[in-house]
């Protein structure tokens, strides 16, 4: 079953929770969350069937969590929650001031509603008693691809799987659109309970720094947590790289995870592996890194991707390959493989699955997605400096060919990375075309100018031969890139990946980089892969 357009957020919510709930007494829910009943007393505690932080998506039988927001308090909207079927409300002391004197549902108070939300959801949905085995992947880049690879390996081993991430949530072939990279804790516990009902045995999940900061993965226990890398991103939330790192490090504690696999090829990964509070295996792309538990060796080109061997210091090894371009995809593939092994998979069974099914070559929408091969034309989600550099280095033009990049930067996000992204593009590409990404509410022209200024600075001091263009709208920029290309060139359209609409001043404009790139290639007489 594929749910493409489930309708309103309230209708979507039905897919994020189990079916035919028996219900849990409100007093039991309060006990799990440390909430204290207050106000009018009711003869019987209602049976709670679900949990919601948003009054607009409350389902009949829910406990509504009235949380303090950035501008309004959720308790102000208790009437909406009740009209949608809420049977009880849990809020904080500030929320009590917004409640009517006479309320038709019981009320409980807790000090911090957001912190209590996961415990409430766990109690209602029973995820402490029954949940699939969970794999968590965190890091700046590579989370989506690594989770897709984990799922593919597990399916090659014969397991029924689920996936929770940026592109999709899925369970045994049922796909629904993702709400966030990681849903709210209430939705996350609900969807995991639904997967358990469907006998899903393992779920691979992206865990963002936002989800850790906001407690969205609280009250879950991951069997294996994986770390990809840490580079500048999300400093609008974290302020400093140290805070960003410390937020990620929360995942590698007994509160969240039982074991870990950590890529140690950046300083943060090495530090994380050294200080992790749970059993941790280290992994490196450097075959000479004698400190790593696992190393990638015997690396060789295999089509657009690579074949390689994973070697443990104890002598164990696994031979495999990935068809996805770039050394970063070797890292993603290696991490996914070792994480599955760390979960208890048998080495011989895993090797047979890798050989028979080639799971590490799984196609990931908008992640190094090859649209054409002459010229090489690729769409990728790279939206920060490190990812952009690695994506550009991974596309290989033919003899005397050029690298052409089309990219922008998201509005209302970390502005400090924009000049550096421009400089990185100029250093790694021969033709740089700056355009719009998702401006959101920010004027697009200054964003492009900041990117272009960074690129021009690198051109003036390092790469005088690099050509720079500033072109909008984005579809025009993509077509312009193809108009410049020859068959031996390589084109990268970066930043948006799988996304199919562009947010311009709050208006969703239909735009799919893969479609635009394919159409432009056909317009100029090139053959595409579809």
Protein backbone atom coordinates (compact mmCIF):
# COMPACT_ATOMS: atom_id res chain seq x y z
CA UNK A 1 0.00 0.00 0.00
CA UNK A 2 1.42 3.40 -0.96
CA UNK A 3 -0.07 6.53 0.58
CA UNK A 4 0.91 9.40 -1.69
CA UNK A 5 -1.50 12.11 -0.57
CA UNK A 6 -3.20 11.08 2.67
CA UNK A 7 -4.94 14.43 2.94
CA UNK A 8 -4.89 16.67 5.98
CA UNK A 9 -2.32 16.35 8.79
CA UNK A 10 -5.09 14.87 10.95
CA UNK A 11 -5.75 12.19 8.34
CA UNK A 12 -2.01 11.53 8.02
CA UNK A 13 -1.78 11.04 11.77
CA UNK A 14 -3.85 7.86 11.52
CA UNK A 15 -1.00 6.17 9.69
CA UNK A 16 1.44 7.06 12.47
CA UNK A 17 -0.13 4.97 15.22
CA UNK A 18 -1.30 1.40 15.80
CA UNK A 19 -4.75 0.16 14.94
CA UNK A 20 -7.42 -1.18 17.31
CA UNK A 21 -5.86 0.09 20.53
CA UNK A 22 -7.26 -1.47 23.71
CA UNK A 23 -6.52 1.65 25.70
CA UNK A 24 -4.52 2.53 28.81
CA UNK A 25 -5.99 4.14 31.92
CA UNK A 26 -5.23 7.83 32.31
CA UNK A 27 -3.93 7.31 35.85
CA UNK A 28 -1.43 4.76 34.52
CA UNK A 29 -0.32 7.24 31.87
CA UNK A 30 0.12 9.97 34.50
CA UNK A 31 2.16 7.60 36.64
CA UNK A 32 4.54 6.82 33.77
CA UNK A 33 5.10 10.53 33.10
CA UNK A 34 5.19 11.75 36.69
CA UNK A 35 2.10 13.88 36.06
CA UNK A 36 -0.22 14.86 38.93
CA UNK A 37 -4.01 15.00 38.51
CA UNK A 38 -5.49 18.41 39.30
CA UNK A 39 -8.73 20.34 39.04
CA UNK A 40 -12.11 18.63 38.91
CA UNK A 41 -12.05 14.97 39.91
CA UNK A 42 -13.76 12.37 37.72
CA UNK A 43 -15.23 9.13 38.99
CA UNK A 44 -13.27 7.04 36.50
CA UNK A 45 -10.06 7.60 34.61
CA UNK A 46 -10.71 7.44 30.87
CA UNK A 47 -9.05 4.89 28.62
CA UNK A 48 -6.41 6.61 26.49
CA UNK A 49 -5.99 5.40 22.91
CA UNK A 50 -3.37 7.82 21.58
CA UNK A 51 -1.21 10.88 22.22
CA UNK A 52 -0.87 14.20 20.43
CA UNK A 53 1.08 17.44 20.92
CA UNK A 54 -0.98 19.20 18.24
CA UNK A 55 -4.66 19.97 18.90
CA UNK A 56 -5.35 20.01 15.16
CA UNK A 57 -4.40 16.34 14.72
CA UNK A 58 -5.92 14.90 17.91
CA UNK A 59 -7.74 11.62 17.30
CA UNK A 60 -10.74 10.34 19.33
CA UNK A 61 -9.47 8.92 22.62
CA UNK A 62 -6.20 10.88 22.75
CA UNK A 63 -4.52 12.51 25.66
CA UNK A 64 -3.63 16.01 24.47
CA UNK A 65 -0.26 17.37 25.62
CA UNK A 66 -0.56 21.14 26.05
CA UNK A 67 3.00 22.36 25.50
CA UNK A 68 4.47 25.84 25.61
CA UNK A 69 5.38 26.90 22.07
CA UNK A 70 7.52 29.68 20.64
CA UNK A 71 4.56 32.06 20.37
CA UNK A 72 1.49 30.43 21.93
CA UNK A 73 0.79 27.83 24.57
CA UNK A 74 -0.85 24.65 23.37
CA UNK A 75 -3.27 24.68 26.29
CA UNK A 76 -4.93 27.72 24.70
CA UNK A 77 -6.34 25.33 22.11
CA UNK A 78 -7.83 22.75 24.43
CA UNK A 79 -11.31 23.38 22.97
CA UNK A 80 -10.05 22.30 19.53
CA UNK A 81 -8.46 19.22 21.06
CA UNK A 82 -11.69 18.30 22.84
CA UNK A 83 -13.78 18.85 19.71
CA UNK A 84 -11.43 16.43 17.91
CA UNK A 85 -11.96 13.81 20.60
CA UNK A 86 -9.38 14.36 23.36
CA UNK A 87 -10.23 12.48 26.55
CA UNK A 88 -7.67 14.12 28.85
CA UNK A 89 -5.00 16.79 28.90
CA UNK A 90 -1.53 16.93 30.40
CA UNK A 91 0.05 20.38 30.60
CA UNK A 92 2.42 22.44 32.76
CA UNK A 93 1.57 25.01 35.42
CA UNK A 94 1.63 27.82 32.85
CA UNK A 95 -0.87 25.89 30.77
CA UNK A 96 -3.35 25.75 33.63
CA UNK A 97 -3.93 29.49 33.29
CA UNK A 98 -5.32 28.96 29.78
CA UNK A 99 -7.81 26.24 30.71
CA UNK A 100 -11.50 27.04 31.29
CA UNK A 101 -12.68 26.82 34.90
CA UNK A 102 -15.04 24.00 33.99
CA UNK A 103 -13.54 21.40 31.73
CA UNK A 104 -15.19 18.23 30.50
CA UNK A 105 -12.00 16.16 30.56
CA UNK A 106 -9.50 15.38 33.37
CA UNK A 107 -6.31 17.41 33.69
CA UNK A 108 -2.84 16.50 34.92
CA UNK A 109 0.23 18.68 35.43
CA UNK A 110 3.87 17.91 34.79
CA UNK A 111 6.92 20.17 35.06
CA UNK A 112 8.14 19.77 31.46
CA UNK A 113 5.59 18.53 28.94
CA UNK A 114 8.09 18.00 26.12
CA UNK A 115 10.31 15.81 28.31
CA UNK A 116 7.28 13.86 29.50
CA UNK A 117 5.89 13.34 25.97
CA UNK A 118 8.01 10.30 25.17
CA UNK A 119 7.15 8.60 28.48
CA UNK A 120 3.46 9.27 27.87
CA UNK A 121 3.68 7.83 24.36
CA UNK A 122 5.64 4.81 25.55
CA UNK A 123 3.01 4.09 28.19
CA UNK A 124 0.10 4.49 25.75
CA UNK A 125 1.59 2.57 22.82
CA UNK A 126 3.50 -0.06 24.81
CA UNK A 127 6.80 0.39 23.00
CA UNK A 128 8.65 -0.58 26.18
CA UNK A 129 7.06 -4.04 25.85
CA UNK A 130 7.05 -4.56 22.10
CA UNK A 131 9.13 -2.76 19.49
CA UNK A 132 11.21 -3.73 16.47
CA UNK A 133 15.00 -3.84 16.82
CA UNK A 134 16.15 -0.28 16.18
CA UNK A 135 19.15 1.02 14.24
CA UNK A 136 20.01 4.72 14.62
CA UNK A 137 22.22 6.65 12.21
CA UNK A 138 23.39 10.14 13.07
CA UNK A 139 25.92 12.59 11.63
CA UNK A 140 25.88 15.58 9.31
CA UNK A 141 25.96 13.73 6.00
CA UNK A 142 25.11 10.21 4.89
CA UNK A 143 22.27 9.38 7.27
CA UNK A 144 19.66 8.71 4.59
CA UNK A 145 21.86 6.55 2.38
CA UNK A 146 23.17 4.54 5.33
CA UNK A 147 19.66 3.77 6.60
CA UNK A 148 18.58 2.67 3.11
CA UNK A 149 21.62 0.38 3.00
CA UNK A 150 20.89 -1.06 6.45
CA UNK A 151 17.33 -1.81 5.38
CA UNK A 152 18.55 -3.43 2.16
CA UNK A 153 21.03 -5.65 4.03
CA UNK A 154 18.40 -6.74 6.55
CA UNK A 155 15.96 -7.56 3.74
CA UNK A 156 18.71 -9.55 2.02
CA UNK A 157 18.99 -11.50 5.27
CA UNK A 158 15.27 -12.24 5.09
CA UNK A 159 13.97 -9.79 7.71
CA UNK A 160 10.80 -7.71 7.59
CA UNK A 161 11.94 -4.12 7.87
CA UNK A 162 10.90 -0.55 8.47
CA UNK A 163 12.50 2.80 7.70
CA UNK A 164 12.09 6.22 9.30
CA UNK A 165 13.84 9.14 7.68
CA UNK A 166 14.00 12.19 5.47
CA UNK A 167 12.59 10.61 2.33
CA UNK A 168 10.08 8.14 3.63
CA UNK A 169 8.68 6.05 6.42
CA UNK A 170 7.93 2.50 5.41
CA UNK A 171 6.87 -0.80 6.90
CA UNK A 172 6.68 -3.98 4.84
CA UNK A 173 5.91 -2.11 1.64
CA UNK A 174 3.57 0.46 3.20
CA UNK A 175 4.96 3.93 2.55
CA UNK A 176 3.81 7.23 3.98
CA UNK A 177 5.43 10.66 3.66
CA UNK A 178 7.84 11.64 6.41
CA UNK A 179 6.78 14.46 8.71
CA UNK A 180 10.32 15.37 9.76
CA UNK A 181 13.72 13.67 9.54
CA UNK A 182 12.65 12.20 12.87
CA UNK A 183 8.96 12.57 13.86
CA UNK A 184 7.84 13.95 17.21
CA UNK A 185 8.26 11.46 20.04
CA UNK A 186 4.50 10.92 20.21
CA UNK A 187 4.36 10.02 16.51
CA UNK A 188 7.58 8.01 16.65
CA UNK A 189 6.33 5.71 19.41
CA UNK A 190 3.02 5.42 17.60
CA UNK A 191 4.50 4.41 14.26
CA UNK A 192 6.87 1.91 15.92
CA UNK A 193 3.90 0.33 17.68
CA UNK A 194 2.15 0.12 14.32
CA UNK A 195 5.22 -1.55 12.81
CA UNK A 196 5.30 -4.04 15.68
CA UNK A 197 1.67 -4.91 14.93
CA UNK A 198 2.78 -5.65 11.36
CA UNK A 199 5.57 -7.96 12.62
CA UNK A 200 8.36 -5.70 11.44
CA UNK A 201 11.50 -7.08 13.06
CA UNK A 202 13.99 -4.24 12.46
CA UNK A 203 13.80 -0.51 11.72
CA UNK A 204 16.57 1.76 10.42
CA UNK A 205 16.13 5.35 11.53
CA UNK A 206 17.81 8.68 10.88
CA UNK A 207 18.42 10.56 14.12
CA UNK A 208 19.03 14.27 13.59
CA UNK A 209 20.53 16.71 16.07
CA UNK A 210 17.14 18.41 16.19
CA UNK A 211 15.51 15.15 17.31
CA UNK A 212 18.05 14.76 20.10
CA UNK A 213 17.74 18.41 21.17
CA UNK A 214 13.95 18.21 21.33
CA UNK A 215 13.73 14.78 22.95
CA UNK A 216 12.05 13.13 19.97
CA UNK A 217 13.95 9.84 20.44
CA UNK A 218 13.55 9.72 24.21
CA UNK A 219 12.31 6.48 25.78
CA UNK A 220 13.67 4.41 22.89
CA UNK A 221 16.53 1.92 23.08
CA UNK A 222 18.52 1.51 19.89
CA UNK A 223 20.27 -1.82 19.42
CA UNK A 224 23.03 -0.13 17.40
CA UNK A 225 23.80 3.56 16.91
CA UNK A 226 25.98 4.62 13.98
CA UNK A 227 27.97 7.82 13.40
CA UNK A 228 28.89 9.03 9.91
CA UNK A 229 30.72 12.37 10.23
CA UNK A 230 30.37 15.88 11.63
CA UNK A 231 30.84 19.02 9.56
CA UNK A 232 29.45 22.54 9.80
CA UNK A 233 25.67 22.59 9.62
CA UNK A 234 22.70 23.56 11.81
CA UNK A 235 24.68 26.22 13.67
CA UNK A 236 21.51 28.31 13.61
CA UNK A 237 20.26 25.80 16.21
CA UNK A 238 23.46 24.83 18.02
CA UNK A 239 25.54 28.01 17.86
CA UNK A 240 28.88 26.18 17.99
CA UNK A 241 30.36 22.98 16.62
CA UNK A 242 31.04 21.85 20.20
CA UNK A 243 27.35 22.08 21.08
CA UNK A 244 26.50 20.31 17.81
CA UNK A 245 28.92 17.49 18.75
CA UNK A 246 27.69 17.20 22.32
CA UNK A 247 24.12 16.93 21.06
CA UNK A 248 25.07 14.08 18.73
CA UNK A 249 27.04 12.40 21.52
CA UNK A 250 23.84 12.00 23.56
CA UNK A 251 22.88 9.14 21.27
CA UNK A 252 25.96 7.17 22.34
CA UNK A 253 24.90 6.75 25.97
CA UNK A 254 23.11 3.90 27.75
CA UNK A 255 19.99 6.06 27.94
CA UNK A 256 19.58 5.75 24.18
CA UNK A 257 21.68 2.90 22.72
CA UNK A 258 23.08 -0.52 23.58
CA UNK A 259 26.07 -0.47 21.21
CA UNK A 260 27.66 1.67 18.51
CA UNK A 261 29.71 1.78 15.33
CA UNK A 262 31.61 5.01 14.74
CA UNK A 263 33.46 6.29 11.68
CA UNK A 264 36.70 7.72 13.11
CA UNK A 265 38.05 9.55 10.06
CA UNK A 266 37.23 12.99 11.44
CA UNK A 267 38.33 14.40 14.82
CA UNK A 268 34.81 14.31 16.22
CA UNK A 269 34.39 10.64 15.33
CA UNK A 270 37.72 9.74 16.91
CA UNK A 271 36.72 11.64 20.05
CA UNK A 272 33.30 10.02 20.12
CA UNK A 273 34.69 6.49 19.82
CA UNK A 274 37.18 7.16 22.59
CA UNK A 275 34.62 8.52 25.06
CA UNK A 276 31.43 6.64 24.13
CA UNK A 277 29.69 5.21 27.19
CA UNK A 278 28.53 2.04 25.41
CA UNK A 279 30.36 -0.82 23.63
CA UNK A 280 31.69 0.79 20.45
CA UNK A 281 33.42 -0.48 17.32
CA UNK A 282 35.50 2.01 15.35
CA UNK A 283 35.61 2.05 11.54
CA UNK A 284 37.98 3.81 9.14
CA UNK A 285 38.41 4.24 5.40
CA UNK A 286 42.17 4.43 6.03
CA UNK A 287 43.61 0.95 5.61
CA UNK A 288 46.67 2.05 7.63
CA UNK A 289 44.65 3.15 10.66
CA UNK A 290 45.80 0.50 13.11
CA UNK A 291 43.70 1.97 15.92
CA UNK A 292 40.40 1.23 14.14
CA UNK A 293 38.58 -2.02 14.83
CA UNK A 294 37.44 -2.20 11.21
CA UNK A 295 39.24 -0.85 8.14
CA UNK A 296 38.33 -0.58 4.46
CA UNK A 297 40.96 -2.29 2.29
CA UNK A 298 41.37 -3.60 -1.27
CA UNK A 299 39.52 -0.59 -2.64
CA UNK A 300 38.92 -0.68 -6.40
CA UNK A 301 36.66 1.04 -8.91
CA UNK A 302 33.58 -0.99 -9.85
CA UNK A 303 31.47 0.80 -12.45
CA UNK A 304 30.58 4.21 -11.01
CA UNK A 305 31.17 2.82 -7.51
CA UNK A 306 33.73 0.68 -5.69
CA UNK A 307 34.45 -2.81 -4.45
CA UNK A 308 36.22 -3.18 -1.12
CA UNK A 309 36.99 -5.43 1.84
CA UNK A 310 36.12 -4.78 5.47
CA UNK A 311 38.85 -6.15 7.76
CA UNK A 312 38.69 -6.43 11.51
CA UNK A 313 41.83 -6.38 13.63
CA UNK A 314 40.86 -9.89 14.83
CA UNK A 315 41.10 -11.26 11.30
CA UNK A 316 37.43 -11.32 10.33
CA UNK A 317 36.64 -9.90 6.90
CA UNK A 318 33.76 -9.17 4.56
CA UNK A 319 34.07 -8.52 0.83
CA UNK A 320 31.46 -6.35 -0.84
CA UNK A 321 30.73 -3.48 -3.23
CA UNK A 322 28.51 -0.49 -3.83
CA UNK A 323 27.47 0.89 -7.21
CA UNK A 324 26.88 4.35 -5.72
CA UNK A 325 29.56 6.91 -6.67
CA UNK A 326 31.98 8.47 -4.22
CA UNK A 327 34.20 7.50 -1.31
CA UNK A 328 31.55 8.81 1.06
CA UNK A 329 29.26 6.07 -0.20
CA UNK A 330 31.99 3.54 0.55
CA UNK A 331 31.92 4.96 4.08
CA UNK A 332 28.11 4.72 4.20
CA UNK A 333 28.21 1.13 2.92
CA UNK A 334 30.91 0.12 5.37
CA UNK A 335 29.05 1.66 8.29
CA UNK A 336 25.76 -0.03 7.35
CA UNK A 337 27.47 -3.42 7.05
CA UNK A 338 29.30 -3.25 10.37
CA UNK A 339 26.15 -1.98 12.13
CA UNK A 340 24.17 -5.01 10.95
CA UNK A 341 27.01 -7.29 12.05
CA UNK A 342 27.08 -5.53 15.44
CA UNK A 343 23.37 -6.26 15.86
CA UNK A 344 24.09 -9.98 15.99
CA UNK A 345 24.05 -11.06 12.33
CA UNK A 346 26.21 -14.09 11.55
CA UNK A 347 29.32 -13.26 9.51
CA UNK A 348 28.84 -16.08 6.99
CA UNK A 349 25.14 -15.31 6.49
CA UNK A 350 25.96 -11.65 6.00
CA UNK A 351 28.64 -12.43 3.42
CA UNK A 352 26.21 -14.64 1.50
CA UNK A 353 23.57 -11.88 1.55
CA UNK A 354 26.08 -9.30 0.30
CA UNK A 355 27.15 -11.61 -2.53
CA UNK A 356 23.68 -12.72 -3.58
CA UNK A 357 21.66 -9.49 -3.29
CA UNK A 358 24.17 -6.63 -3.75
CA UNK A 359 22.22 -4.61 -1.12
CA UNK A 360 24.78 -1.81 -0.86
CA UNK A 361 23.95 -0.74 -4.41
CA UNK A 362 20.39 0.19 -3.43
CA UNK A 363 19.11 3.28 -5.23
CA UNK A 364 18.42 6.17 -2.86
CA UNK A 365 16.18 8.92 -4.29
CA UNK A 366 18.08 12.17 -4.71
CA UNK A 367 21.31 10.82 -3.22
CA UNK A 368 23.98 10.67 -5.91
CA UNK A 369 21.17 9.73 -8.26
CA UNK A 370 22.56 9.26 -11.77
CA UNK A 371 20.30 10.83 -14.40
CA UNK A 372 22.64 10.32 -17.37
CA UNK A 373 26.09 8.91 -18.08
CA UNK A 374 27.22 10.94 -21.13
CA UNK A 375 27.61 13.54 -19.83
CA UNK A 376 27.62 12.19 -16.29
CA UNK A 377 24.63 13.96 -14.72
CA UNK A 378 23.90 13.52 -11.01
CA UNK A 379 21.41 14.95 -8.51
CA UNK A 380 22.44 14.97 -4.86
CA UNK A 381 21.18 16.38 -1.56
CA UNK A 382 24.59 17.93 -0.70
CA UNK A 383 23.71 21.17 1.08
CA UNK A 384 26.80 22.02 3.10
CA UNK A 385 30.46 22.55 2.25
CA UNK A 386 31.77 19.10 3.13
CA UNK A 387 29.02 17.24 1.30
CA UNK A 388 29.37 19.51 -1.73
CA UNK A 389 33.13 18.92 -1.95
CA UNK A 390 32.75 15.16 -1.64
CA UNK A 391 29.92 15.01 -4.19
CA UNK A 392 31.94 17.03 -6.71
CA UNK A 393 35.03 14.88 -6.20
CA UNK A 394 32.97 11.72 -6.67
CA UNK A 395 31.69 12.54 -10.16
CA UNK A 396 34.33 11.62 -12.72
CA UNK A 397 34.27 13.43 -16.07
CA UNK A 398 35.82 11.83 -19.12
CA UNK A 399 39.19 12.73 -20.62
CA UNK A 400 39.59 16.53 -20.68
CA UNK A 401 36.08 16.83 -19.26
CA UNK A 402 34.90 19.51 -16.87
CA UNK A 403 32.95 19.47 -13.62
CA UNK A 404 29.84 21.69 -13.69
CA UNK A 405 27.90 22.39 -10.51
CA UNK A 406 24.50 23.99 -9.93
CA UNK A 407 23.70 24.79 -6.31
CA UNK A 408 22.18 27.27 -3.87
CA UNK A 409 21.69 27.68 -0.13
CA UNK A 410 18.58 27.42 1.98
CA UNK A 411 17.09 30.65 3.29
CA UNK A 412 16.53 31.27 7.00
CA UNK A 413 19.21 28.71 7.91
CA UNK A 414 22.88 28.87 8.89
CA UNK A 415 24.14 31.89 6.93
CA UNK A 416 27.77 31.49 7.96
CA UNK A 417 28.29 28.50 5.66
CA UNK A 418 27.26 30.31 2.45
CA UNK A 419 30.57 31.97 1.47
CA UNK A 420 32.43 28.75 2.27
CA UNK A 421 30.05 26.73 0.09
CA UNK A 422 30.76 29.11 -2.77
CA UNK A 423 34.51 28.79 -2.26
CA UNK A 424 34.26 24.98 -2.12
CA UNK A 425 32.32 24.94 -5.38
CA UNK A 426 34.95 27.10 -7.08
CA UNK A 427 37.79 24.88 -5.84
CA UNK A 428 36.19 21.61 -6.95
CA UNK A 429 34.37 22.57 -10.17
CA UNK A 430 35.34 24.15 -13.47
CA UNK A 431 31.98 25.86 -13.98
CA UNK A 432 30.04 27.15 -10.97
CA UNK A 433 26.39 28.14 -11.38
CA UNK A 434 24.89 29.74 -8.29
CA UNK A 435 21.11 29.65 -8.10
CA UNK A 436 18.22 29.46 -5.61
CA UNK A 437 17.56 26.59 -3.24
CA UNK A 438 14.60 27.04 -0.85
CA UNK A 439 14.63 30.77 -0.01
CA UNK A 440 11.73 30.38 2.44
CA UNK A 441 10.95 33.88 3.71
CA UNK A 442 14.38 35.32 2.89
CA UNK A 443 15.02 37.37 -0.25
CA UNK A 444 16.79 35.02 -2.71
CA UNK A 445 19.11 37.55 -4.35
CA UNK A 446 21.31 38.22 -1.28
CA UNK A 447 21.65 34.47 -0.67
CA UNK A 448 22.98 33.99 -4.19
CA UNK A 449 25.28 36.99 -3.79
CA UNK A 450 26.80 35.53 -0.60
CA UNK A 451 27.46 32.24 -2.36
CA UNK A 452 28.87 34.00 -5.42
CA UNK A 453 31.11 36.19 -3.27
CA UNK A 454 32.64 33.12 -1.67
CA UNK A 455 33.17 31.55 -5.07
CA UNK A 456 34.68 34.70 -6.53
CA UNK A 457 37.09 34.98 -3.63
CA UNK A 458 38.41 31.47 -4.29
CA UNK A 459 38.61 32.18 -8.02
CA UNK A 460 40.61 35.37 -7.44
CA UNK A 461 43.13 33.69 -5.15
CA UNK A 462 43.22 30.03 -6.19
CA UNK A 463 41.31 29.05 -9.34
CA UNK A 464 41.39 31.79 -11.95
CA UNK A 465 40.25 29.37 -14.64
CA UNK A 466 36.92 28.57 -12.92
CA UNK A 467 33.88 30.19 -14.53
CA UNK A 468 31.16 31.65 -12.30
CA UNK A 469 27.52 32.38 -13.14
CA UNK A 470 24.61 33.62 -11.02
CA UNK A 471 21.33 32.46 -12.58
CA UNK A 472 17.74 32.23 -11.38
CA UNK A 473 15.25 30.66 -11.33
CA UNK A 474 16.67 27.22 -10.57
CA UNK A 475 15.15 25.44 -13.57
CA UNK A 476 16.80 27.99 -15.86
CA UNK A 477 20.13 27.43 -14.10
CA UNK A 478 19.89 23.67 -14.63
CA UNK A 479 19.10 24.10 -18.32
CA UNK A 480 21.99 26.57 -18.67
CA UNK A 481 24.39 24.03 -17.13
CA UNK A 482 23.36 21.39 -19.64
CA UNK A 483 23.65 23.88 -22.51
CA UNK A 484 27.33 24.31 -21.62
CA UNK A 485 28.02 20.59 -21.25
CA UNK A 486 29.77 18.25 -23.62
CA UNK A 487 29.55 14.48 -23.57
CA UNK A 488 32.76 14.08 -21.56
CA UNK A 489 31.74 16.55 -18.83
CA UNK A 490 30.13 15.84 -15.46
CA UNK A 491 27.19 17.84 -14.05
CA UNK A 492 26.15 17.94 -10.39
CA UNK A 493 22.86 19.54 -9.36
CA UNK A 494 23.20 19.80 -5.59
CA UNK A 495 21.22 20.78 -2.53
CA UNK A 496 17.66 19.54 -2.94
CA UNK A 497 17.93 15.87 -3.88
CA UNK A 498 14.56 14.14 -3.67
CA UNK A 499 12.52 17.28 -2.93
CA UNK A 500 9.73 18.06 -5.39
CA UNK A 501 8.75 21.59 -4.43
CA UNK A 502 10.59 24.80 -3.67
CA UNK A 503 9.53 27.11 -0.82
CA UNK A 504 9.59 30.68 -2.10
CA UNK A 505 8.15 33.20 0.37
CA UNK A 506 5.88 30.54 1.83
CA UNK A 507 4.58 29.36 -1.54
CA UNK A 508 5.38 25.82 -2.71
CA UNK A 509 6.63 25.96 -6.29
CA UNK A 510 6.71 22.62 -8.10
CA UNK A 511 10.36 21.79 -8.81
CA UNK A 512 12.17 18.45 -9.02
CA UNK A 513 15.88 18.65 -9.86
CA UNK A 514 15.80 15.16 -11.35
CA UNK A 515 12.98 16.08 -13.72
CA UNK A 516 14.52 19.41 -14.66
CA UNK A 517 17.90 17.84 -15.33
CA UNK A 518 16.43 15.01 -17.42
CA UNK A 519 14.32 17.43 -19.45
CA UNK A 520 17.29 19.71 -20.09
CA UNK A 521 19.46 16.79 -21.20
CA UNK A 522 16.82 15.63 -23.65
CA UNK A 523 16.34 19.18 -24.91
CA UNK A 524 20.03 19.36 -25.78
CA UNK A 525 20.16 15.96 -27.45
CA UNK A 526 21.61 13.81 -24.67
CA UNK A 527 20.37 10.38 -23.60
CA UNK A 528 19.09 9.94 -20.05
CA UNK A 529 18.76 6.83 -17.89
CA UNK A 530 14.96 6.98 -17.92
